[in-house]
Amino acid sequence: MRTSTIEIQTPHAESVIVTEDTLSVDLSDGRTLEVPLAWFPRLLHASQEERDHWRLIGKGEGIHWEEIDEDISVEGLLAGKLSGESQNSFKRWLKERSACLT
């Protein structure tokens, strides 16, 4: 008996829009993913200018925000994964951010 394998290709990100409450990612297969910004606390606490300053990484496998040190993978978005950052790490980042902004 022969078995065939099906290779599933994860689409890549082509463009990103971040609003006050939503992360929207246009994918190469024509879909648009929209997830609550609350899933990613660093994006939620970023300024709109910081949210708008993103770049695609890994040929669109992920999205990176330099100023807030945030990386989000398309695969994670498709799986419905929230930020994997620990509460302690996020609180430390928020504290350092507050100190820099004052």
PDB file of N, CA and C in Angstrom:
ATOM      1  N   MET A   1       0.837  -1.163   0.000  1.00  0.00           N
ATOM      2  CA  MET A   1       0.000   0.000   0.000  1.00  0.00           C
ATOM      3  C   MET A   1       0.891   1.238   0.000  1.00  0.00           C
ATOM      4  N   ARG A   2       0.517   2.181  -0.833  1.00  0.00           N
ATOM      5  CA  ARG A   2       1.251   3.437  -0.894  1.00  0.00           C
ATOM      6  C   ARG A   2       0.530   4.485  -0.062  1.00  0.00           C
ATOM      7  N   THR A   3       1.294   5.257   0.607  1.00  0.00           N
ATOM      8  CA  THR A   3       0.715   6.397   1.311  1.00  0.00           C
ATOM      9  C   THR A   3       1.309   7.656   0.714  1.00  0.00           C
ATOM     10  N   SER A   4       0.489   8.630   0.612  1.00  0.00           N
ATOM     11  CA  SER A   4       0.995   9.902   0.103  1.00  0.00           C
ATOM     12  C   SER A   4       0.992  10.914   1.245  1.00  0.00           C
ATOM     13  N   THR A   5       1.910  11.781   1.174  1.00  0.00           N
ATOM     14  CA  THR A   5       1.974  12.829   2.180  1.00  0.00           C
ATOM     15  C   THR A   5       1.518  14.130   1.548  1.00  0.00           C
ATOM     16  N   ILE A   6       0.808  14.859   2.320  1.00  0.00           N
ATOM     17  CA  ILE A   6       0.348  16.165   1.867  1.00  0.00           C
ATOM     18  C   ILE A   6       1.127  17.207   2.639  1.00  0.00           C
ATOM     19  N   GLU A   7       1.795  18.035   1.898  1.00  0.00           N
ATOM     20  CA  GLU A   7       2.549  19.100   2.547  1.00  0.00           C
ATOM     21  C   GLU A   7       1.641  20.316   2.666  1.00  0.00           C
ATOM     22  N   ILE A   8       1.417  20.720   3.903  1.00  0.00           N
ATOM     23  CA  ILE A   8       0.577  21.882   4.152  1.00  0.00           C
ATOM     24  C   ILE A   8       1.476  23.100   4.251  1.00  0.00           C
ATOM     25  N   GLN A   9       1.200  24.070   3.437  1.00  0.00           N
ATOM     26  CA  GLN A   9       1.978  25.294   3.424  1.00  0.00           C
ATOM     27  C   GLN A   9       1.251  26.363   4.229  1.00  0.00           C
ATOM     28  N   THR A  10       1.945  26.952   5.163  1.00  0.00           N
ATOM     29  CA  THR A  10       1.387  28.063   5.910  1.00  0.00           C
ATOM     30  C   THR A  10       1.508  29.308   5.044  1.00  0.00           C
ATOM     31  N   PRO A  11       0.412  30.044   4.859  1.00  0.00           N
ATOM     32  CA  PRO A  11       0.503  31.271   4.067  1.00  0.00           C
ATOM     33  C   PRO A  11       1.410  32.275   4.782  1.00  0.00           C
ATOM     34  N   HIS A  12       1.890  33.234   4.040  1.00  0.00           N
ATOM     35  CA  HIS A  12       2.732  34.256   4.654  1.00  0.00           C
ATOM     36  C   HIS A  12       1.998  35.588   4.714  1.00  0.00           C
ATOM     37  N   ALA A  13       2.448  36.420   5.625  1.00  0.00           N
ATOM     38  CA  ALA A  13       1.869  37.754   5.784  1.00  0.00           C
ATOM     39  C   ALA A  13       2.319  38.635   4.627  1.00  0.00           C
ATOM     40  N   GLU A  14       1.412  39.466   4.180  1.00  0.00           N
ATOM     41  CA  GLU A  14       1.746  40.418   3.112  1.00  0.00           C
ATOM     42  C   GLU A  14       1.627  41.861   3.582  1.00  0.00           C
ATOM     43  N   SER A  15       0.677  42.125   4.466  1.00  0.00           N
ATOM     44  CA  SER A  15       0.547  43.472   5.025  1.00  0.00           C
ATOM     45  C   SER A  15      -0.100  43.387   6.405  1.00  0.00           C
ATOM     46  N   VAL A  16       0.093  44.457   7.166  1.00  0.00           N
ATOM     47  CA  VAL A  16      -0.353  44.486   8.554  1.00  0.00           C
ATOM     48  C   VAL A  16      -0.972  45.849   8.844  1.00  0.00           C
ATOM     49  N   ILE A  17      -2.076  45.824   9.568  1.00  0.00           N
ATOM     50  CA  ILE A  17      -2.689  47.054  10.062  1.00  0.00           C
ATOM     51  C   ILE A  17      -2.980  46.841  11.545  1.00  0.00           C
ATOM     52  N   VAL A  18      -2.559  47.807  12.360  1.00  0.00           N
ATOM     53  CA  VAL A  18      -2.816  47.733  13.796  1.00  0.00           C
ATOM     54  C   VAL A  18      -3.621  48.966  14.186  1.00  0.00           C
ATOM     55  N   THR A  19      -4.803  48.748  14.738  1.00  0.00           N
ATOM     56  CA  THR A  19      -5.641  49.844  15.215  1.00  0.00           C
ATOM     57  C   THR A  19      -5.580  49.875  16.740  1.00  0.00           C
ATOM     58  N   GLU A  20      -6.435  50.659  17.347  1.00  0.00           N
ATOM     59  CA  GLU A  20      -6.468  50.735  18.813  1.00  0.00           C
ATOM     60  C   GLU A  20      -6.789  49.404  19.472  1.00  0.00           C
ATOM     61  N   ASP A  21      -7.549  48.555  18.773  1.00  0.00           N
ATOM     62  CA  ASP A  21      -7.988  47.316  19.413  1.00  0.00           C
ATOM     63  C   ASP A  21      -7.856  46.054  18.568  1.00  0.00           C
ATOM     64  N   THR A  22      -7.304  46.169  17.342  1.00  0.00           N
ATOM     65  CA  THR A  22      -7.261  45.010  16.453  1.00  0.00           C
ATOM     66  C   THR A  22      -5.938  44.917  15.698  1.00  0.00           C
ATOM     67  N   LEU A  23      -5.432  43.697  15.565  1.00  0.00           N
ATOM     68  CA  LEU A  23      -4.311  43.393  14.686  1.00  0.00           C
ATOM     69  C   LEU A  23      -4.904  42.691  13.471  1.00  0.00           C
ATOM     70  N   SER A  24      -4.666  43.243  12.296  1.00  0.00           N
ATOM     71  CA  SER A  24      -5.208  42.695  11.063  1.00  0.00           C
ATOM     72  C   SER A  24      -4.051  42.358  10.128  1.00  0.00           C
ATOM     73  N   VAL A  25      -4.014  41.108   9.657  1.00  0.00           N
ATOM     74  CA  VAL A  25      -2.917  40.641   8.817  1.00  0.00           C
ATOM     75  C   VAL A  25      -3.489  40.054   7.531  1.00  0.00           C
ATOM     76  N   ASP A  26      -3.079  40.617   6.386  1.00  0.00           N
ATOM     77  CA  ASP A  26      -3.465  40.086   5.083  1.00  0.00           C
ATOM     78  C   ASP A  26      -2.486  38.978   4.719  1.00  0.00           C
ATOM     79  N   LEU A  27      -3.032  37.810   4.352  1.00  0.00           N
ATOM     80  CA  LEU A  27      -2.216  36.640   4.041  1.00  0.00           C
ATOM     81  C   LEU A  27      -2.116  36.402   2.542  1.00  0.00           C
ATOM     82  N   SER A  28      -1.090  35.654   2.166  1.00  0.00           N
ATOM     83  CA  SER A  28      -0.828  35.370   0.757  1.00  0.00           C
ATOM     84  C   SER A  28      -1.903  34.519   0.101  1.00  0.00           C
ATOM     85  N   ASP A  29      -2.729  33.824   0.884  1.00  0.00           N
ATOM     86  CA  ASP A  29      -3.779  32.988   0.308  1.00  0.00           C
ATOM     87  C   ASP A  29      -5.109  33.730   0.177  1.00  0.00           C
ATOM     88  N   GLY A  30      -5.092  35.045   0.437  1.00  0.00           N
ATOM     89  CA  GLY A  30      -6.293  35.852   0.259  1.00  0.00           C
ATOM     90  C   GLY A  30      -7.081  36.097   1.532  1.00  0.00           C
ATOM     91  N   ARG A  31      -6.757  35.387   2.591  1.00  0.00           N
ATOM     92  CA  ARG A  31      -7.456  35.605   3.856  1.00  0.00           C
ATOM     93  C   ARG A  31      -6.902  36.823   4.581  1.00  0.00           C
ATOM     94  N   THR A  32      -7.738  37.372   5.442  1.00  0.00           N
ATOM     95  CA  THR A  32      -7.311  38.408   6.374  1.00  0.00           C
ATOM     96  C   THR A  32      -7.642  37.929   7.773  1.00  0.00           C
ATOM     97  N   LEU A  33      -6.628  37.902   8.628  1.00  0.00           N
ATOM     98  CA  LEU A  33      -6.828  37.514  10.017  1.00  0.00           C
ATOM     99  C   LEU A  33      -6.974  38.774  10.851  1.00  0.00           C
ATOM    100  N   GLU A  34      -7.965  38.786  11.721  1.00  0.00           N
ATOM    101  CA  GLU A  34      -8.129  39.875  12.671  1.00  0.00           C
ATOM    102  C   GLU A  34      -8.220  39.271  14.055  1.00  0.00           C
ATOM    103  N   VAL A  35      -7.362  39.767  14.944  1.00  0.00           N
ATOM    104  CA  VAL A  35      -7.357  39.287  16.320  1.00  0.00           C
ATOM    105  C   VAL A  35      -7.367  40.487  17.259  1.00  0.00           C
ATOM    106  N   PRO A  36      -7.880  40.303  18.462  1.00  0.00           N
ATOM    107  CA  PRO A  36      -7.894  41.403  19.429  1.00  0.00           C
ATOM    108  C   PRO A  36      -6.477  41.801  19.820  1.00  0.00           C
ATOM    109  N   LEU A  37      -6.229  43.080  19.885  1.00  0.00           N
ATOM    110  CA  LEU A  37      -4.916  43.571  20.284  1.00  0.00           C
ATOM    111  C   LEU A  37      -4.589  43.141  21.718  1.00  0.00           C
ATOM    112  N   ALA A  38      -5.617  42.902  22.512  1.00  0.00           N
ATOM    113  CA  ALA A  38      -5.419  42.448  23.889  1.00  0.00           C
ATOM    114  C   ALA A  38      -4.646  41.132  23.957  1.00  0.00           C
ATOM    115  N   TRP A  39      -4.600  40.376  22.867  1.00  0.00           N
ATOM    116  CA  TRP A  39      -3.817  39.146  22.835  1.00  0.00           C
ATOM    117  C   TRP A  39      -2.328  39.436  22.959  1.00  0.00           C
ATOM    118  N   PHE A  40      -1.913  40.651  22.606  1.00  0.00           N
ATOM    119  CA  PHE A  40      -0.499  41.018  22.577  1.00  0.00           C
ATOM    120  C   PHE A  40      -0.290  42.301  23.380  1.00  0.00           C
ATOM    121  N   PRO A  41      -0.080  42.172  24.693  1.00  0.00           N
ATOM    122  CA  PRO A  41      -0.019  43.336  25.581  1.00  0.00           C
ATOM    123  C   PRO A  41       0.989  44.403  25.168  1.00  0.00           C
ATOM    124  N   ARG A  42       2.113  44.013  24.594  1.00  0.00           N
ATOM    125  CA  ARG A  42       3.088  45.032  24.182  1.00  0.00           C
ATOM    126  C   ARG A  42       2.502  45.910  23.079  1.00  0.00           C
ATOM    127  N   LEU A  43       1.810  45.299  22.141  1.00  0.00           N
ATOM    128  CA  LEU A  43       1.159  46.098  21.088  1.00  0.00           C
ATOM    129  C   LEU A  43       0.049  46.957  21.681  1.00  0.00           C
ATOM    130  N   LEU A  44      -0.674  46.406  22.623  1.00  0.00           N
ATOM    131  CA  LEU A  44      -1.771  47.136  23.252  1.00  0.00           C
ATOM    132  C   LEU A  44      -1.259  48.394  23.955  1.00  0.00           C
ATOM    133  N   HIS A  45      -0.076  48.316  24.560  1.00  0.00           N
ATOM    134  CA  HIS A  45       0.492  49.443  25.299  1.00  0.00           C
ATOM    135  C   HIS A  45       1.399  50.333  24.440  1.00  0.00           C
ATOM    136  N   ALA A  46       1.586  49.987  23.202  1.00  0.00           N
ATOM    137  CA  ALA A  46       2.432  50.781  22.310  1.00  0.00           C
ATOM    138  C   ALA A  46       1.670  51.989  21.774  1.00  0.00           C
ATOM    139  N   SER A  47       2.416  52.989  21.358  1.00  0.00           N
ATOM    140  CA  SER A  47       1.788  54.140  20.695  1.00  0.00           C
ATOM    141  C   SER A  47       1.400  53.714  19.276  1.00  0.00           C
ATOM    142  N   GLN A  48       0.513  54.471  18.663  1.00  0.00           N
ATOM    143  CA  GLN A  48       0.123  54.141  17.289  1.00  0.00           C
ATOM    144  C   GLN A  48       1.338  54.218  16.359  1.00  0.00           C
ATOM    145  N   GLU A  49       2.219  55.160  16.618  1.00  0.00           N
ATOM    146  CA  GLU A  49       3.444  55.276  15.810  1.00  0.00           C
ATOM    147  C   GLU A  49       4.282  54.003  15.918  1.00  0.00           C
ATOM    148  N   GLU A  50       4.422  53.478  17.134  1.00  0.00           N
ATOM    149  CA  GLU A  50       5.172  52.228  17.320  1.00  0.00           C
ATOM    150  C   GLU A  50       4.460  51.058  16.655  1.00  0.00           C
ATOM    151  N   ARG A  51       3.144  51.019  16.742  1.00  0.00           N
ATOM    152  CA  ARG A  51       2.370  49.940  16.116  1.00  0.00           C
ATOM    153  C   ARG A  51       2.526  49.947  14.602  1.00  0.00           C
ATOM    154  N   ASP A  52       2.640  51.139  14.048  1.00  0.00           N
ATOM    155  CA  ASP A  52       2.744  51.276  12.588  1.00  0.00           C
ATOM    156  C   ASP A  52       4.134  50.960  12.060  1.00  0.00           C
ATOM    157  N   HIS A  53       5.117  50.837  12.946  1.00  0.00           N
ATOM    158  CA  HIS A  53       6.492  50.595  12.526  1.00  0.00           C
ATOM    159  C   HIS A  53       6.825  49.106  12.661  1.00  0.00           C
ATOM    160  N   TRP A  54       6.338  48.318  11.727  1.00  0.00           N
ATOM    161  CA  TRP A  54       6.547  46.873  11.722  1.00  0.00           C
ATOM    162  C   TRP A  54       7.307  46.490  10.458  1.00  0.00           C
ATOM    163  N   ARG A  55       7.838  45.277  10.465  1.00  0.00           N
ATOM    164  CA  ARG A  55       8.445  44.717   9.253  1.00  0.00           C
ATOM    165  C   ARG A  55       8.188  43.218   9.236  1.00  0.00           C
ATOM    166  N   LEU A  56       8.088  42.676   8.026  1.00  0.00           N
ATOM    167  CA  LEU A  56       7.914  41.236   7.878  1.00  0.00           C
ATOM    168  C   LEU A  56       9.260  40.559   8.068  1.00  0.00           C
ATOM    169  N   ILE A  57       9.246  39.419   8.712  1.00  0.00           N
ATOM    170  CA  ILE A  57      10.460  38.638   8.919  1.00  0.00           C
ATOM    171  C   ILE A  57      10.248  37.235   8.346  1.00  0.00           C
ATOM    172  N   GLY A  58      11.349  36.594   7.962  1.00  0.00           N
ATOM    173  CA  GLY A  58      11.267  35.231   7.431  1.00  0.00           C
ATOM    174  C   GLY A  58      10.374  35.121   6.215  1.00  0.00           C
ATOM    175  N   LYS A  59      10.498  36.070   5.294  1.00  0.00           N
ATOM    176  CA  LYS A  59       9.694  36.083   4.067  1.00  0.00           C
ATOM    177  C   LYS A  59       8.196  36.074   4.361  1.00  0.00           C
ATOM    178  N   GLY A  60       7.808  36.764   5.433  1.00  0.00           N
ATOM    179  CA  GLY A  60       6.399  36.867   5.791  1.00  0.00           C
ATOM    180  C   GLY A  60       5.906  35.804   6.754  1.00  0.00           C
ATOM    181  N   GLU A  61       6.825  35.001   7.299  1.00  0.00           N
ATOM    182  CA  GLU A  61       6.422  34.004   8.296  1.00  0.00           C
ATOM    183  C   GLU A  61       6.050  34.660   9.610  1.00  0.00           C
ATOM    184  N   GLY A  62       6.520  35.885   9.802  1.00  0.00           N
ATOM    185  CA  GLY A  62       6.237  36.590  11.043  1.00  0.00           C
ATOM    186  C   GLY A  62       6.307  38.089  10.856  1.00  0.00           C
ATOM    187  N   ILE A  63       5.981  38.798  11.934  1.00  0.00           N
ATOM    188  CA  ILE A  63       5.965  40.255  11.949  1.00  0.00           C
ATOM    189  C   ILE A  63       6.791  40.686  13.152  1.00  0.00           C
ATOM    190  N   HIS A  64       7.608  41.731  12.962  1.00  0.00           N
ATOM    191  CA  HIS A  64       8.478  42.220  14.037  1.00  0.00           C
ATOM    192  C   HIS A  64       8.271  43.711  14.243  1.00  0.00           C
ATOM    193  N   TRP A  65       8.178  44.102  15.518  1.00  0.00           N
ATOM    194  CA  TRP A  65       8.117  45.507  15.913  1.00  0.00           C
ATOM    195  C   TRP A  65       9.371  45.789  16.726  1.00  0.00           C
ATOM    196  N   GLU A  66      10.319  46.523  16.132  1.00  0.00           N
ATOM    197  CA  GLU A  66      11.619  46.782  16.755  1.00  0.00           C
ATOM    198  C   GLU A  66      11.499  47.547  18.068  1.00  0.00           C
ATOM    199  N   GLU A  67      10.754  48.653  18.076  1.00  0.00           N
ATOM    200  CA  GLU A  67      10.712  49.532  19.243  1.00  0.00           C
ATOM    201  C   GLU A  67      10.146  48.869  20.494  1.00  0.00           C
ATOM    202  N   ILE A  68       9.257  47.908  20.314  1.00  0.00           N
ATOM    203  CA  ILE A  68       8.648  47.266  21.481  1.00  0.00           C
ATOM    204  C   ILE A  68       9.099  45.812  21.643  1.00  0.00           C
ATOM    205  N   ASP A  69      10.042  45.385  20.792  1.00  0.00           N
ATOM    206  CA  ASP A  69      10.617  44.045  20.862  1.00  0.00           C
ATOM    207  C   ASP A  69       9.526  42.968  20.848  1.00  0.00           C
ATOM    208  N   GLU A  70       8.661  43.030  19.839  1.00  0.00           N
ATOM    209  CA  GLU A  70       7.547  42.074  19.706  1.00  0.00           C
ATOM    210  C   GLU A  70       7.672  41.329  18.382  1.00  0.00           C
ATOM    211  N   ASP A  71       7.519  40.018  18.440  1.00  0.00           N
ATOM    212  CA  ASP A  71       7.498  39.168  17.251  1.00  0.00           C
ATOM    213  C   ASP A  71       6.250  38.312  17.305  1.00  0.00           C
ATOM    214  N   ILE A  72       5.528  38.243  16.181  1.00  0.00           N
ATOM    215  CA  ILE A  72       4.318  37.431  16.101  1.00  0.00           C
ATOM    216  C   ILE A  72       4.405  36.601  14.821  1.00  0.00           C
ATOM    217  N   SER A  73       4.179  35.301  14.945  1.00  0.00           N
ATOM    218  CA  SER A  73       4.243  34.425  13.777  1.00  0.00           C
ATOM    219  C   SER A  73       2.856  34.251  13.157  1.00  0.00           C
ATOM    220  N   VAL A  74       2.835  34.080  11.854  1.00  0.00           N
ATOM    221  CA  VAL A  74       1.577  33.804  11.155  1.00  0.00           C
ATOM    222  C   VAL A  74       1.026  32.469  11.632  1.00  0.00           C
ATOM    223  N   GLU A  75       1.888  31.497  11.806  1.00  0.00           N
ATOM    224  CA  GLU A  75       1.453  30.181  12.277  1.00  0.00           C
ATOM    225  C   GLU A  75       0.749  30.302  13.633  1.00  0.00           C
ATOM    226  N   GLY A  76       1.300  31.105  14.523  1.00  0.00           N
ATOM    227  CA  GLY A  76       0.679  31.321  15.832  1.00  0.00           C
ATOM    228  C   GLY A  76      -0.670  32.002  15.720  1.00  0.00           C
ATOM    229  N   LEU A  77      -0.764  32.994  14.826  1.00  0.00           N
ATOM    230  CA  LEU A  77      -2.049  33.663  14.615  1.00  0.00           C
ATOM    231  C   LEU A  77      -3.096  32.696  14.091  1.00  0.00           C
ATOM    232  N   LEU A  78      -2.698  31.866  13.126  1.00  0.00           N
ATOM    233  CA  LEU A  78      -3.636  30.883  12.563  1.00  0.00           C
ATOM    234  C   LEU A  78      -4.097  29.877  13.613  1.00  0.00           C
ATOM    235  N   ALA A  79      -3.219  29.573  14.562  1.00  0.00           N
ATOM    236  CA  ALA A  79      -3.561  28.625  15.630  1.00  0.00           C
ATOM    237  C   ALA A  79      -4.323  29.284  16.774  1.00  0.00           C
ATOM    238  N   GLY A  80      -4.459  30.611  16.727  1.00  0.00           N
ATOM    239  CA  GLY A  80      -5.174  31.317  17.787  1.00  0.00           C
ATOM    240  C   GLY A  80      -4.367  31.489  19.055  1.00  0.00           C
ATOM    241  N   LYS A  81      -3.034  31.501  18.918  1.00  0.00           N
ATOM    242  CA  LYS A  81      -2.169  31.624  20.095  1.00  0.00           C
ATOM    243  C   LYS A  81      -2.038  33.075  20.536  1.00  0.00           C
ATOM    244  N   LEU A  82      -2.224  33.283  21.816  1.00  0.00           N
ATOM    245  CA  LEU A  82      -2.004  34.588  22.419  1.00  0.00           C
ATOM    246  C   LEU A  82      -0.506  34.755  22.688  1.00  0.00           C
ATOM    247  N   SER A  83      -0.128  35.939  23.114  1.00  0.00           N
ATOM    248  CA  SER A  83       1.272  36.190  23.469  1.00  0.00           C
ATOM    249  C   SER A  83       1.742  35.142  24.457  1.00  0.00           C
ATOM    250  N   GLY A  84       2.930  34.639  24.246  1.00  0.00           N
ATOM    251  CA  GLY A  84       3.491  33.647  25.146  1.00  0.00           C
ATOM    252  C   GLY A  84       4.340  34.262  26.241  1.00  0.00           C
ATOM    253  N   GLU A  85       4.370  35.593  26.295  1.00  0.00           N
ATOM    254  CA  GLU A  85       5.201  36.273  27.282  1.00  0.00           C
ATOM    255  C   GLU A  85       4.623  36.090  28.686  1.00  0.00           C
ATOM    256  N   SER A  86       5.504  35.837  29.633  1.00  0.00           N
ATOM    257  CA  SER A  86       5.051  35.670  31.019  1.00  0.00           C
ATOM    258  C   SER A  86       4.621  37.014  31.591  1.00  0.00           C
ATOM    259  N   GLN A  87       3.781  36.967  32.602  1.00  0.00           N
ATOM    260  CA  GLN A  87       3.334  38.187  33.271  1.00  0.00           C
ATOM    261  C   GLN A  87       4.509  38.937  33.889  1.00  0.00           C
ATOM    262  N   ASN A  88       5.464  38.205  34.456  1.00  0.00           N
ATOM    263  CA  ASN A  88       6.631  38.847  35.059  1.00  0.00           C
ATOM    264  C   ASN A  88       7.448  39.593  34.013  1.00  0.00           C
ATOM    265  N   SER A  89       7.662  38.962  32.876  1.00  0.00           N
ATOM    266  CA  SER A  89       8.412  39.598  31.799  1.00  0.00           C
ATOM    267  C   SER A  89       7.687  40.844  31.299  1.00  0.00           C
ATOM    268  N   PHE A  90       6.380  40.733  31.107  1.00  0.00           N
ATOM    269  CA  PHE A  90       5.614  41.878  30.626  1.00  0.00           C
ATOM    270  C   PHE A  90       5.642  43.019  31.639  1.00  0.00           C
ATOM    271  N   LYS A  91       5.469  42.718  32.916  1.00  0.00           N
ATOM    272  CA  LYS A  91       5.495  43.758  33.949  1.00  0.00           C
ATOM    273  C   LYS A  91       6.853  44.457  33.996  1.00  0.00           C
ATOM    274  N   ARG A  92       7.927  43.677  33.845  1.00  0.00           N
ATOM    275  CA  ARG A  92       9.269  44.247  33.821  1.00  0.00           C
ATOM    276  C   ARG A  92       9.426  45.184  32.615  1.00  0.00           C
ATOM    277  N   TRP A  93       8.949  44.733  31.440  1.00  0.00           N
ATOM    278  CA  TRP A  93       9.010  45.558  30.232  1.00  0.00           C
ATOM    279  C   TRP A  93       8.204  46.840  30.411  1.00  0.00           C
ATOM    280  N   LEU A  94       7.017  46.733  30.971  1.00  0.00           N
ATOM    281  CA  LEU A  94       6.148  47.891  31.175  1.00  0.00           C
ATOM    282  C   LEU A  94       6.787  48.891  32.140  1.00  0.00           C
ATOM    283  N   LYS A  95       7.412  48.380  33.175  1.00  0.00           N
ATOM    284  CA  LYS A  95       8.095  49.248  34.144  1.00  0.00           C
ATOM    285  C   LYS A  95       9.259  49.982  33.486  1.00  0.00           C
ATOM    286  N   GLU A  96      10.077  49.256  32.723  1.00  0.00           N
ATOM    287  CA  GLU A  96      11.206  49.880  32.019  1.00  0.00           C
ATOM    288  C   GLU A  96      10.716  50.903  31.003  1.00  0.00           C
ATOM    289  N   ARG A  97       9.639  50.589  30.333  1.00  0.00           N
ATOM    290  CA  ARG A  97       9.057  51.493  29.337  1.00  0.00           C
ATOM    291  C   ARG A  97       8.574  52.775  30.010  1.00  0.00           C
ATOM    292  N   SER A  98       7.894  52.639  31.144  1.00  0.00           N
ATOM    293  CA  SER A  98       7.394  53.800  31.869  1.00  0.00           C
ATOM    294  C   SER A  98       8.537  54.696  32.321  1.00  0.00           C
ATOM    295  N   ALA A  99       9.626  54.088  32.765  1.00  0.00           N
ATOM    296  CA  ALA A  99      10.788  54.848  33.212  1.00  0.00           C
ATOM    297  C   ALA A  99      11.418  55.634  32.052  1.00  0.00           C
ATOM    298  N   CYS A 100      11.428  55.039  30.879  1.00  0.00           N
ATOM    299  CA  CYS A 100      12.019  55.698  29.705  1.00  0.00           C
ATOM    300  C   CYS A 100      11.138  56.836  29.175  1.00  0.00           C
ATOM    301  N   LEU A 101       9.833  56.722  29.360  1.00  0.00           N
ATOM    302  CA  LEU A 101       8.912  57.717  28.825  1.00  0.00           C
ATOM    303  C   LEU A 101       8.776  58.934  29.729  1.00  0.00           C
ATOM    304  N   THR A 102       9.275  58.830  30.963  1.00  0.00           N
ATOM    305  CA  THR A 102       9.149  59.969  31.887  1.00  0.00           C
ATOM    306  C   THR A 102      10.387  60.810  31.921  1.00  0.00           C
TER     307      THR A 102
END
